[in-house]
Protein backbone atom coordinates (compact mmCIF):
# COMPACT_ATOMS: atom_id res chain seq x y z
CA MET A 1 2.89 0.33 8.68
CA PRO A 2 1.25 1.19 11.98
CA THR A 3 -1.04 4.21 12.10
CA PHE A 4 -1.56 4.40 15.89
CA GLY A 5 -5.32 4.32 15.51
CA LEU A 6 -5.50 7.43 13.36
CA VAL A 7 -7.99 5.84 11.00
CA ALA A 8 -11.64 6.70 10.44
CA LYS A 9 -14.04 4.32 8.69
CA LYS A 10 -17.68 4.30 7.70
CA GLU A 11 -19.99 2.01 5.76
CA LEU A 12 -23.00 3.35 3.85
CA GLN A 13 -25.88 1.72 2.03
CA LEU A 14 -27.10 3.75 -0.93
CA ASP A 15 -30.08 3.40 -3.26
CA THR A 16 -27.91 4.22 -6.28
CA SER A 17 -26.08 1.94 -8.68
CA PRO A 18 -22.42 1.13 -7.97
CA GLY A 19 -21.38 3.07 -11.08
CA GLU A 20 -23.19 6.20 -9.96
CA ALA A 21 -21.88 5.84 -6.40
CA LEU A 22 -18.32 5.51 -7.71
CA GLU A 23 -18.71 8.62 -9.86
CA ARG A 24 -20.16 10.62 -6.95
CA ALA A 25 -17.32 9.42 -4.69
CA GLN A 26 -14.74 10.71 -7.18
CA GLU A 27 -16.53 14.06 -7.31
CA ALA A 28 -16.56 14.19 -3.49
CA VAL A 29 -12.79 13.58 -3.36
CA THR A 30 -12.25 16.50 -5.75
CA ALA A 31 -14.58 18.72 -3.69
CA LEU A 32 -12.47 17.82 -0.64
CA SER A 33 -9.42 19.22 -2.52
CA GLY A 34 -8.18 15.67 -2.87
CA THR A 35 -6.59 13.91 -5.81
CA VAL A 36 -7.64 10.50 -7.09
CA THR A 37 -4.43 8.48 -7.32
CA GLY A 38 -6.04 5.30 -8.57
CA SER A 39 -9.46 4.13 -9.68
CA ASP A 40 -10.60 0.67 -10.76
CA PRO A 41 -14.25 0.65 -11.85
CA ALA A 42 -14.18 -3.15 -12.20
CA SER A 43 -13.39 -3.64 -8.51
CA GLY A 44 -15.18 -0.44 -7.40
CA CYS A 45 -12.08 0.91 -5.65
CA ILE A 46 -10.83 4.50 -5.46
CA ASN A 47 -7.54 5.52 -3.84
CA ALA A 48 -6.96 9.20 -3.20
CA LYS A 49 -4.84 11.61 -1.23
CA VAL A 50 -5.81 14.77 0.60
CA PRO A 51 -3.11 17.46 0.85
CA SER A 52 -1.58 18.67 4.07
CA SER A 53 -3.26 21.45 5.98
CA ALA A 54 -2.88 23.34 9.22
CA TRP A 55 -4.38 20.27 10.95
CA SER A 56 -2.47 17.40 9.34
CA TRP A 57 0.32 16.19 7.08
CA GLY A 58 -2.30 14.88 4.66
CA GLU A 59 -4.41 11.76 4.45
CA ARG A 60 -4.95 8.72 2.25
CA LEU A 61 -8.51 7.80 1.32
CA THR A 62 -9.78 4.42 0.20
CA ILE A 63 -13.35 4.11 -1.05
CA VAL A 64 -14.76 0.74 -2.08
CA VAL A 65 -18.17 0.47 -3.77
CA GLN A 66 -19.92 -2.89 -4.07
CA PRO A 67 -23.32 -3.90 -5.43
CA HIS A 68 -25.97 -4.34 -2.74
CA ALA A 69 -29.35 -5.98 -3.34
CA PRO A 70 -31.59 -5.25 -5.02
CA ALA A 71 -30.19 -2.30 -7.02
CA GLY A 72 -28.20 -0.30 -4.51
CA SER A 73 -24.60 0.04 -3.38
CA LEU A 74 -22.57 -0.63 -0.27
CA VAL A 75 -19.81 1.95 0.18
CA ASN A 76 -16.85 1.61 2.55
CA ILE A 77 -14.87 4.79 3.22
CA LYS A 78 -11.54 4.87 5.06
CA SER A 79 -9.27 7.82 5.81
CA ARG A 80 -5.87 7.38 7.41
CA SER A 81 -3.01 9.73 8.11
CA TRP A 82 -0.37 9.99 5.43
CA MET A 83 2.41 9.89 8.02
CA PRO A 84 2.33 6.41 9.61
CA PHE A 85 3.79 7.59 12.92
CA ASN A 86 1.56 10.64 13.25
CA VAL A 87 0.16 10.72 16.79
CA PHE A 88 -2.42 13.51 16.35
CA ASN A 89 -4.59 14.55 13.44
CA PHE A 90 -7.15 16.69 15.30
CA GLY A 91 -10.12 14.76 13.86
CA LYS A 92 -9.16 15.33 10.22
CA ASN A 93 -9.73 11.68 9.23
CA ARG A 94 -13.20 11.73 10.78
CA ARG A 95 -14.03 14.98 8.97
CA ASN A 96 -12.84 13.51 5.65
CA VAL A 97 -15.06 10.44 6.08
CA GLU A 98 -18.06 12.55 7.13
CA PHE A 99 -17.59 14.88 4.13
CA ILE A 100 -17.51 11.98 1.69
CA SER A 101 -20.52 10.38 3.43
CA ARG A 102 -22.58 13.59 3.21
CA SER A 103 -21.62 14.00 -0.44
CA LEU A 104 -22.87 10.51 -1.26
CA ALA A 105 -26.08 10.61 0.79
């Protein structure tokens, strides 16, 4: 489904293990008032949703954690609008990604 560019992404390199990064990402989703809808520790993937607010109809988050040499993690964070034809989200996706990034750093 098209999202009309209402997607925010960020990639982080962390000095923590993938397991610890995944756990901290789940805690960050909860702190964002989000709900983890799926988690697969084997693949390092978390899917979550953030409820609607005065600024948006809600967002979907995808966080993927991969091992990164020598003992760190590479984390990809993506936030997209829940409504595929939403034209405005007033920067909510960017704020979601920045919140998760700050929580992991």
